[in-house]
Amino acid sequence: MLVALLVVALVCTGSFFWVKSGKSLLGLKSGEGVLSFLPTWLPEGVAFEYKDRQISSGELDSEVQTLRALYGVQVPTDPGQLATFRKDAAKAYAVSLILDQAALDNGIVVADKTARDTLAKFVQEKLGDGPDAYNKFVAALGDQGTTEQAVVDELKRRLAMAQLFDKVTAGLPQVTDQDVQTAFAQRKDSLGAPEKRQISNIVVGSQDDADRVLAALRSGTPFAAEAQQASLDGSTRDKGGDLGAVSRDQLEQAYGDAAFTAMPGQPFGPVQNSYGWNIGVIGQVTPPVPADFAQVKDQLRQTLEVERAVDKWRNWLGSEIADAGIRYADDYRPANPDAAPSGTPTQSGIPAGGK
């Protein structure tokens, strides 16, 4: 936990790792030749080839181990999930190598001392000053299965990627006042504070159990007492089922539909969701607050600037990946190997510290 907190504070993002599924590419599509049917022949034990460098499965496993120690990346045990994980891990590592090379090509080099000074500063902020604090940090790294040098190397990569990100996304058109006003008109429903409802909930394993709970509540049993006796949710049972004040989009759809149409003080349900069968009751209702342009315009402007930078970065990164000519062994070939990563910035190879 100590290492995870410090690394998150250091890089402000996850690794280049992402996990997603996709359909096989082993079919002939319009515009593709018969070579799409042929396997990729690489020496045994090689996961992929980048330029003249062959990345062994052992090197890839070592990289995953580092990511596990630094970022909590979990290796699945299910065979099907593990196969997909292995392919996505190979692409993630390949993308990181492409970005390393791009940084060098752009004259971006982070000195070891710079990374160590940055590391020492964060250790000081989190654990205090003095050698004892730093030694405690290094000892914690060993407990997590990694080393001080691995953290320094990863931090150097992150600092370099931040500079690369800024360089690639430089020169974007300025976000105008009109851009902000247009975006506000399009997004104002999501920019305001949504209605929130204080909800208490009881979850049980079957509809019959839910019907019995509902009958007990309607006969006068206090909701909190019934929750403490019957609910399967250990995180809320001792609090009388209290979920706190939540918005509709924080809930699964069926449960949210029921909770946000129920009358306060009256039990609703049963509603089945992924956790079981639920009976709830609404407490205090906080009405929605519409977005105020004057209050959100500065943050909205920053959001638009980030979105433009991210779009430019992804387009650039997609070209870099396509031009890199990565060759994967069949067991490591990901879905859409030449496509740029998608999803959140953390999932898209966007480094910490950039725009």
Protein backbone atom coordinates (compact mmCIF):
# COMPACT_ATOMS: atom_id res chain seq x y z
CA MET A 1 0.00 0.00 0.00
CA LEU A 2 2.81 2.41 0.85
CA VAL A 3 4.49 1.87 -2.50
CA ALA A 4 1.23 2.16 -4.40
CA LEU A 5 0.39 5.49 -2.76
CA LEU A 6 3.81 6.93 -3.42
CA VAL A 7 3.90 5.83 -7.04
CA VAL A 8 0.43 7.21 -7.70
CA ALA A 9 1.58 10.50 -6.20
CA LEU A 10 4.70 10.44 -8.35
CA VAL A 11 3.23 9.77 -11.74
CA CYS A 12 -0.40 10.85 -11.27
CA THR A 13 -1.52 8.09 -13.61
CA GLY A 14 -1.34 4.41 -14.26
CA SER A 15 1.04 2.65 -16.60
CA PHE A 16 0.55 2.34 -20.33
CA PHE A 17 -1.31 -0.84 -19.49
CA TRP A 18 -4.86 -1.44 -20.64
CA VAL A 19 -6.97 -4.59 -20.80
CA LYS A 20 -9.74 -4.94 -23.36
CA SER A 21 -11.14 -7.62 -25.57
CA GLY A 22 -11.61 -7.72 -29.31
CA LYS A 23 -12.50 -10.01 -32.15
CA SER A 24 -9.88 -12.12 -33.85
CA LEU A 25 -8.12 -10.60 -36.84
CA LEU A 26 -7.54 -13.97 -38.48
CA GLY A 27 -10.17 -13.38 -41.17
CA LEU A 28 -9.80 -11.90 -44.61
CA LYS A 29 -11.32 -8.44 -44.79
CA SER A 30 -11.93 -6.16 -47.71
CA GLY A 31 -8.65 -4.73 -48.90
CA GLU A 32 -6.48 -7.38 -47.18
CA GLY A 33 -4.42 -9.98 -48.95
CA VAL A 34 -4.04 -13.69 -48.26
CA LEU A 35 -1.06 -12.92 -46.00
CA SER A 36 -3.60 -12.11 -43.29
CA PHE A 37 -4.18 -15.86 -43.00
CA LEU A 38 -0.53 -16.69 -42.43
CA PRO A 39 0.97 -16.98 -38.94
CA THR A 40 3.73 -14.66 -37.81
CA TRP A 41 6.92 -16.71 -37.63
CA LEU A 42 9.15 -15.61 -34.77
CA PRO A 43 11.66 -17.70 -32.84
CA GLU A 44 10.25 -19.74 -30.00
CA GLY A 45 9.99 -17.74 -26.79
CA VAL A 46 9.76 -14.37 -28.59
CA ALA A 47 6.60 -12.38 -27.86
CA PHE A 48 7.08 -9.63 -30.44
CA GLU A 49 9.69 -7.91 -32.57
CA TYR A 50 10.26 -4.15 -32.71
CA LYS A 51 12.78 -2.91 -35.25
CA ASP A 52 15.76 -5.25 -34.78
CA ARG A 53 14.90 -6.05 -31.17
CA GLN A 54 13.16 -9.27 -30.19
CA ILE A 55 11.24 -9.12 -26.91
CA SER A 56 11.17 -12.47 -25.20
CA SER A 57 8.21 -13.74 -23.23
CA GLY A 58 10.48 -13.63 -20.19
CA GLU A 59 11.24 -9.93 -20.69
CA LEU A 60 7.53 -9.25 -21.12
CA ASP A 61 6.76 -11.17 -17.93
CA SER A 62 9.38 -9.11 -16.11
CA GLU A 63 7.75 -5.89 -17.34
CA VAL A 64 4.35 -7.11 -16.14
CA GLN A 65 5.89 -7.92 -12.76
CA THR A 66 7.16 -4.35 -12.50
CA LEU A 67 3.74 -3.00 -13.40
CA ARG A 68 2.19 -5.30 -10.81
CA ALA A 69 4.50 -3.97 -8.10
CA LEU A 70 4.19 -0.30 -9.07
CA TYR A 71 0.60 -0.02 -10.21
CA GLY A 72 -1.21 -3.08 -8.87
CA VAL A 73 -1.72 -4.69 -12.30
CA GLN A 74 -3.33 -8.07 -11.61
CA VAL A 75 -2.62 -11.12 -13.77
CA PRO A 76 -5.85 -13.11 -14.23
CA THR A 77 -5.94 -16.82 -13.46
CA ASP A 78 -8.77 -17.73 -15.84
CA PRO A 79 -7.17 -19.26 -18.98
CA GLY A 80 -9.34 -17.29 -21.39
CA GLN A 81 -8.75 -13.99 -19.61
CA LEU A 82 -5.05 -14.78 -19.29
CA ALA A 83 -4.70 -15.23 -23.05
CA THR A 84 -6.26 -11.83 -23.69
CA PHE A 85 -4.21 -10.29 -20.90
CA ARG A 86 -0.99 -11.62 -22.44
CA LYS A 87 -1.83 -10.09 -25.82
CA ASP A 88 -2.78 -6.73 -24.36
CA ALA A 89 0.34 -6.76 -22.21
CA ALA A 90 2.45 -7.30 -25.32
CA LYS A 91 0.84 -4.36 -27.09
CA ALA A 92 1.16 -2.15 -24.02
CA TYR A 93 4.88 -2.88 -23.79
CA ALA A 94 5.31 -2.39 -27.52
CA VAL A 95 3.63 1.04 -27.31
CA SER A 96 5.90 2.02 -24.42
CA LEU A 97 8.97 1.10 -26.51
CA ILE A 98 7.65 3.13 -29.44
CA LEU A 99 7.21 6.12 -27.15
CA ASP A 100 10.68 5.64 -25.67
CA GLN A 101 12.14 5.80 -29.17
CA ALA A 102 10.03 8.81 -30.09
CA ALA A 103 11.32 10.64 -27.02
CA LEU A 104 14.91 9.92 -28.02
CA ASP A 105 14.22 10.98 -31.62
CA ASN A 106 12.94 14.30 -30.25
CA GLY A 107 16.05 14.80 -28.14
CA ILE A 108 14.22 14.14 -24.86
CA VAL A 109 16.43 12.51 -22.25
CA VAL A 110 15.78 12.57 -18.51
CA ALA A 111 18.86 12.27 -16.34
CA ASP A 112 18.96 9.63 -13.65
CA LYS A 113 19.65 12.35 -11.07
CA THR A 114 16.54 14.28 -12.11
CA ALA A 115 14.36 11.25 -11.51
CA ARG A 116 16.07 10.45 -8.20
CA ASP A 117 15.69 14.03 -7.00
CA THR A 118 12.01 13.92 -7.90
CA LEU A 119 11.63 10.61 -6.11
CA ALA A 120 13.39 11.90 -3.00
CA LYS A 121 11.15 14.97 -2.93
CA PHE A 122 7.99 12.90 -2.99
CA VAL A 123 9.30 10.47 -0.39
CA GLN A 124 10.07 13.46 1.82
CA GLU A 125 6.56 14.85 1.35
CA LYS A 126 4.90 11.52 2.13
CA LEU A 127 7.18 9.99 4.77
CA GLY A 128 9.20 12.87 6.12
CA ASP A 129 12.81 13.97 5.78
CA GLY A 130 15.95 12.02 6.55
CA PRO A 131 17.57 8.73 5.51
CA ASP A 132 15.24 6.63 7.66
CA ALA A 133 12.24 7.68 5.60
CA TYR A 134 13.96 6.89 2.31
CA ASN A 135 15.26 3.57 3.64
CA LYS A 136 11.72 2.70 4.71
CA PHE A 137 10.54 3.42 1.18
CA VAL A 138 13.25 1.26 -0.40
CA ALA A 139 12.44 -1.59 2.01
CA ALA A 140 8.78 -1.35 1.03
CA LEU A 141 9.78 -1.65 -2.63
CA GLY A 142 11.54 -4.92 -1.88
CA ASP A 143 8.44 -6.22 -0.14
CA GLN A 144 6.46 -5.42 -3.30
CA GLY A 145 8.85 -7.37 -5.52
CA THR A 146 10.56 -4.45 -7.21
CA THR A 147 13.57 -2.21 -6.70
CA GLU A 148 14.49 1.44 -6.28
CA GLN A 149 16.07 1.43 -9.74
CA ALA A 150 12.87 0.08 -11.30
CA VAL A 151 10.94 2.99 -9.79
CA VAL A 152 13.60 5.46 -10.99
CA ASP A 153 13.51 4.00 -14.51
CA GLU A 154 9.72 4.17 -14.64
CA LEU A 155 9.77 7.74 -13.37
CA LYS A 156 12.35 8.71 -16.01
CA ARG A 157 10.04 7.26 -18.64
CA ARG A 158 7.10 9.22 -17.27
CA LEU A 159 8.99 12.49 -17.15
CA ALA A 160 10.20 11.96 -20.70
CA MET A 161 6.70 11.12 -21.91
CA ALA A 162 5.34 14.28 -20.30
CA GLN A 163 7.81 16.34 -22.34
CA LEU A 164 6.98 14.37 -25.47
CA PHE A 165 3.26 14.89 -24.93
CA ASP A 166 3.74 18.64 -24.61
CA LYS A 167 5.91 18.71 -27.73
CA VAL A 168 3.50 16.66 -29.85
CA THR A 169 0.48 18.70 -28.78
CA ALA A 170 2.08 22.12 -29.09
CA GLY A 171 0.55 24.66 -31.45
CA LEU A 172 -3.09 23.73 -31.01
CA PRO A 173 -5.67 26.43 -31.84
CA GLN A 174 -6.73 28.46 -28.85
CA VAL A 175 -10.07 27.61 -27.27
CA THR A 176 -12.23 30.69 -27.88
CA ASP A 177 -15.01 32.13 -25.76
CA GLN A 178 -17.45 30.97 -28.43
CA ASP A 179 -16.06 27.42 -28.17
CA VAL A 180 -16.72 27.47 -24.44
CA GLN A 181 -20.25 28.83 -24.84
CA THR A 182 -21.07 26.21 -27.46
CA ALA A 183 -19.72 23.41 -25.28
CA PHE A 184 -21.70 24.73 -22.32
CA ALA A 185 -24.92 24.64 -24.31
CA GLN A 186 -24.20 21.05 -25.34
CA ARG A 187 -23.06 19.81 -21.93
CA LYS A 188 -24.90 21.91 -19.36
CA ASP A 189 -27.04 18.99 -18.20
CA SER A 190 -23.94 17.08 -17.16
CA LEU A 191 -22.13 20.13 -15.76
CA GLY A 192 -24.68 20.90 -13.08
CA ALA A 193 -25.08 19.10 -9.77
CA PRO A 194 -27.52 16.19 -10.23
CA GLU A 195 -30.34 15.30 -7.87
CA LYS A 196 -29.07 13.19 -4.98
CA ARG A 197 -31.02 10.90 -2.72
CA GLN A 198 -30.04 9.42 0.61
CA ILE A 199 -30.75 5.70 0.21
CA SER A 200 -30.78 2.84 2.67
CA ASN A 201 -30.75 -0.61 1.12
CA ILE A 202 -31.16 -4.25 2.03
CA VAL A 203 -29.81 -6.91 -0.31
CA VAL A 204 -30.84 -10.57 -0.06
CA GLY A 205 -30.27 -13.66 -2.14
CA SER A 206 -33.71 -14.43 -3.55
CA GLN A 207 -37.03 -12.84 -4.45
CA ASP A 208 -38.76 -14.84 -1.73
CA ASP A 209 -36.36 -13.41 0.87
CA ALA A 210 -36.95 -9.94 -0.55
CA ASP A 211 -40.71 -10.36 -0.30
CA ARG A 212 -40.36 -11.41 3.35
CA VAL A 213 -38.21 -8.34 4.10
CA LEU A 214 -40.70 -6.06 2.36
CA ALA A 215 -43.57 -7.58 4.34
CA ALA A 216 -41.69 -7.05 7.62
CA LEU A 217 -41.04 -3.41 6.77
CA ARG A 218 -44.66 -2.80 5.88
CA SER A 219 -45.74 -4.35 9.16
CA GLY A 220 -43.70 -1.78 11.06
CA THR A 221 -40.19 -3.24 11.51
CA PRO A 222 -37.67 -0.36 11.42
CA PHE A 223 -35.61 -0.40 8.23
CA ALA A 224 -32.26 -0.20 10.05
CA ALA A 225 -33.14 -3.13 12.29
CA GLU A 226 -34.22 -5.27 9.34
CA ALA A 227 -31.05 -4.35 7.43
CA GLN A 228 -28.84 -5.37 10.35
CA GLN A 229 -30.62 -8.70 10.56
CA ALA A 230 -31.20 -9.63 6.92
CA SER A 231 -28.89 -7.74 4.56
CA LEU A 232 -26.06 -9.61 2.85
CA ASP A 233 -24.13 -6.39 2.24
CA GLY A 234 -21.42 -6.42 4.90
CA SER A 235 -20.28 -2.90 4.03
CA THR A 236 -23.65 -1.30 4.90
CA ARG A 237 -25.42 -3.84 7.12
CA ASP A 238 -24.08 -2.47 10.40
CA LYS A 239 -25.06 1.06 9.30
CA GLY A 240 -28.67 0.07 8.79
CA GLY A 241 -28.14 -0.27 5.04
CA ASP A 242 -27.12 3.37 4.58
CA LEU A 243 -25.63 3.99 1.12
CA GLY A 244 -25.29 7.72 1.66
CA ALA A 245 -26.41 10.41 -0.77
CA VAL A 246 -26.03 9.16 -4.35
CA SER A 247 -26.95 10.36 -7.82
CA ARG A 248 -28.85 8.28 -10.33
CA ASP A 249 -25.84 7.61 -12.53
CA GLN A 250 -24.03 5.98 -9.60
CA LEU A 251 -26.57 3.17 -9.54
CA GLU A 252 -27.33 0.28 -11.84
CA GLN A 253 -30.13 1.30 -14.19
CA ALA A 254 -32.98 -0.85 -12.84
CA TYR A 255 -32.22 0.07 -9.25
CA GLY A 256 -31.69 3.73 -10.11
CA ASP A 257 -35.02 3.87 -11.97
CA ALA A 258 -36.81 2.52 -8.91
CA ALA A 259 -34.94 4.65 -6.37
CA PHE A 260 -35.41 7.92 -8.23
CA THR A 261 -39.15 7.42 -8.76
CA ALA A 262 -39.91 6.17 -5.23
CA MET A 263 -41.62 8.32 -2.63
CA PRO A 264 -39.35 9.26 0.30
CA GLY A 265 -40.01 7.20 3.40
CA GLN A 266 -41.78 4.37 1.53
CA PRO A 267 -39.93 1.07 0.91
CA PHE A 268 -39.46 0.26 -2.76
CA GLY A 269 -38.60 -2.95 -4.55
CA PRO A 270 -37.74 -5.69 -4.72
CA VAL A 271 -35.31 -4.86 -7.53
CA GLN A 272 -32.82 -7.40 -8.86
CA ASN A 273 -29.33 -6.24 -9.82
CA SER A 274 -25.87 -7.78 -9.99
CA TYR A 275 -25.63 -7.87 -6.19
CA GLY A 276 -28.90 -9.70 -5.53
CA TRP A 277 -32.46 -8.71 -4.67
CA ASN A 278 -32.81 -5.24 -3.18
CA ILE A 279 -35.30 -3.36 -1.05
CA GLY A 280 -34.62 0.31 -0.44
CA VAL A 281 -35.99 3.37 1.23
CA ILE A 282 -35.40 7.02 0.37
CA GLY A 283 -34.42 9.58 2.96
CA GLN A 284 -33.43 13.17 2.24
CA VAL A 285 -33.68 14.35 -1.37
CA THR A 286 -31.31 17.05 -2.63
CA PRO A 287 -32.73 18.75 -5.74
CA PRO A 288 -30.53 19.20 -8.81
CA VAL A 289 -28.65 22.46 -9.26
CA PRO A 290 -28.36 23.67 -12.87
CA ALA A 291 -24.90 24.57 -14.11
CA ASP A 292 -23.96 28.24 -13.90
CA PHE A 293 -21.86 29.37 -16.85
CA ALA A 294 -19.83 31.85 -14.82
CA GLN A 295 -18.89 29.15 -12.32
CA VAL A 296 -17.92 26.42 -14.79
CA LYS A 297 -16.51 28.33 -17.77
CA ASP A 298 -12.86 28.23 -16.64
CA GLN A 299 -12.92 24.52 -15.90
CA LEU A 300 -14.81 23.87 -19.14
CA ARG A 301 -12.17 25.78 -21.09
CA GLN A 302 -9.46 23.61 -19.53
CA THR A 303 -11.47 20.50 -20.39
CA LEU A 304 -11.72 21.55 -24.04
CA GLU A 305 -7.97 22.23 -24.15
CA VAL A 306 -7.24 18.79 -22.74
CA GLU A 307 -9.63 17.12 -25.18
CA ARG A 308 -7.95 18.80 -28.15
CA ALA A 309 -4.52 17.79 -26.89
CA VAL A 310 -5.64 14.21 -26.32
CA ASP A 311 -7.14 13.97 -29.81
CA LYS A 312 -3.92 15.25 -31.40
CA TRP A 313 -1.83 12.88 -29.28
CA ARG A 314 -3.93 9.86 -30.18
CA ASN A 315 -3.78 10.64 -33.89
CA TRP A 316 -0.01 11.04 -33.68
CA LEU A 317 0.37 7.88 -31.60
CA GLY A 318 -1.75 5.90 -34.05
CA SER A 319 0.59 6.88 -36.88
CA GLU A 320 3.65 5.98 -34.82
CA ILE A 321 2.24 2.53 -34.03
CA ALA A 322 1.26 1.87 -37.65
CA ASP A 323 4.72 2.92 -38.86
CA ALA A 324 6.57 0.87 -36.25
CA GLY A 325 5.82 -2.44 -37.95
CA ILE A 326 5.56 -4.45 -34.73
CA ARG A 327 5.50 -8.20 -35.45
CA TYR A 328 3.76 -10.29 -32.80
CA ALA A 329 3.97 -14.01 -32.25
CA ASP A 330 0.56 -15.57 -32.72
CA ASP A 331 0.02 -16.16 -29.00
CA TYR A 332 0.77 -12.48 -28.31
CA ARG A 333 -0.94 -10.82 -31.27
CA PRO A 334 -3.54 -8.36 -29.89
CA ALA A 335 -6.79 -7.35 -31.47
CA ASN A 336 -6.23 -4.34 -33.74
CA PRO A 337 -2.44 -4.38 -33.29
CA ASP A 338 -1.90 -1.23 -35.38
CA ALA A 339 -4.64 0.84 -33.76
CA ALA A 340 -3.94 3.53 -31.21
CA PRO A 341 -5.13 2.70 -27.70
CA SER A 342 -8.53 4.10 -26.81
CA GLY A 343 -10.34 4.90 -23.59
CA THR A 344 -9.23 7.21 -20.82
CA PRO A 345 -5.92 9.08 -21.01
CA THR A 346 -4.35 6.53 -18.64
CA GLN A 347 -5.42 3.76 -21.00
CA SER A 348 -4.20 5.52 -24.10
CA GLY A 349 -0.49 5.88 -23.54
CA ILE A 350 -0.91 9.48 -22.40
CA PRO A 351 1.84 10.21 -19.89
CA ALA A 352 1.62 12.00 -16.60
CA GLY A 353 2.50 15.63 -16.46
CA GLY A 354 1.39 16.65 -19.92
CA LYS A 355 -1.44 18.99 -20.71
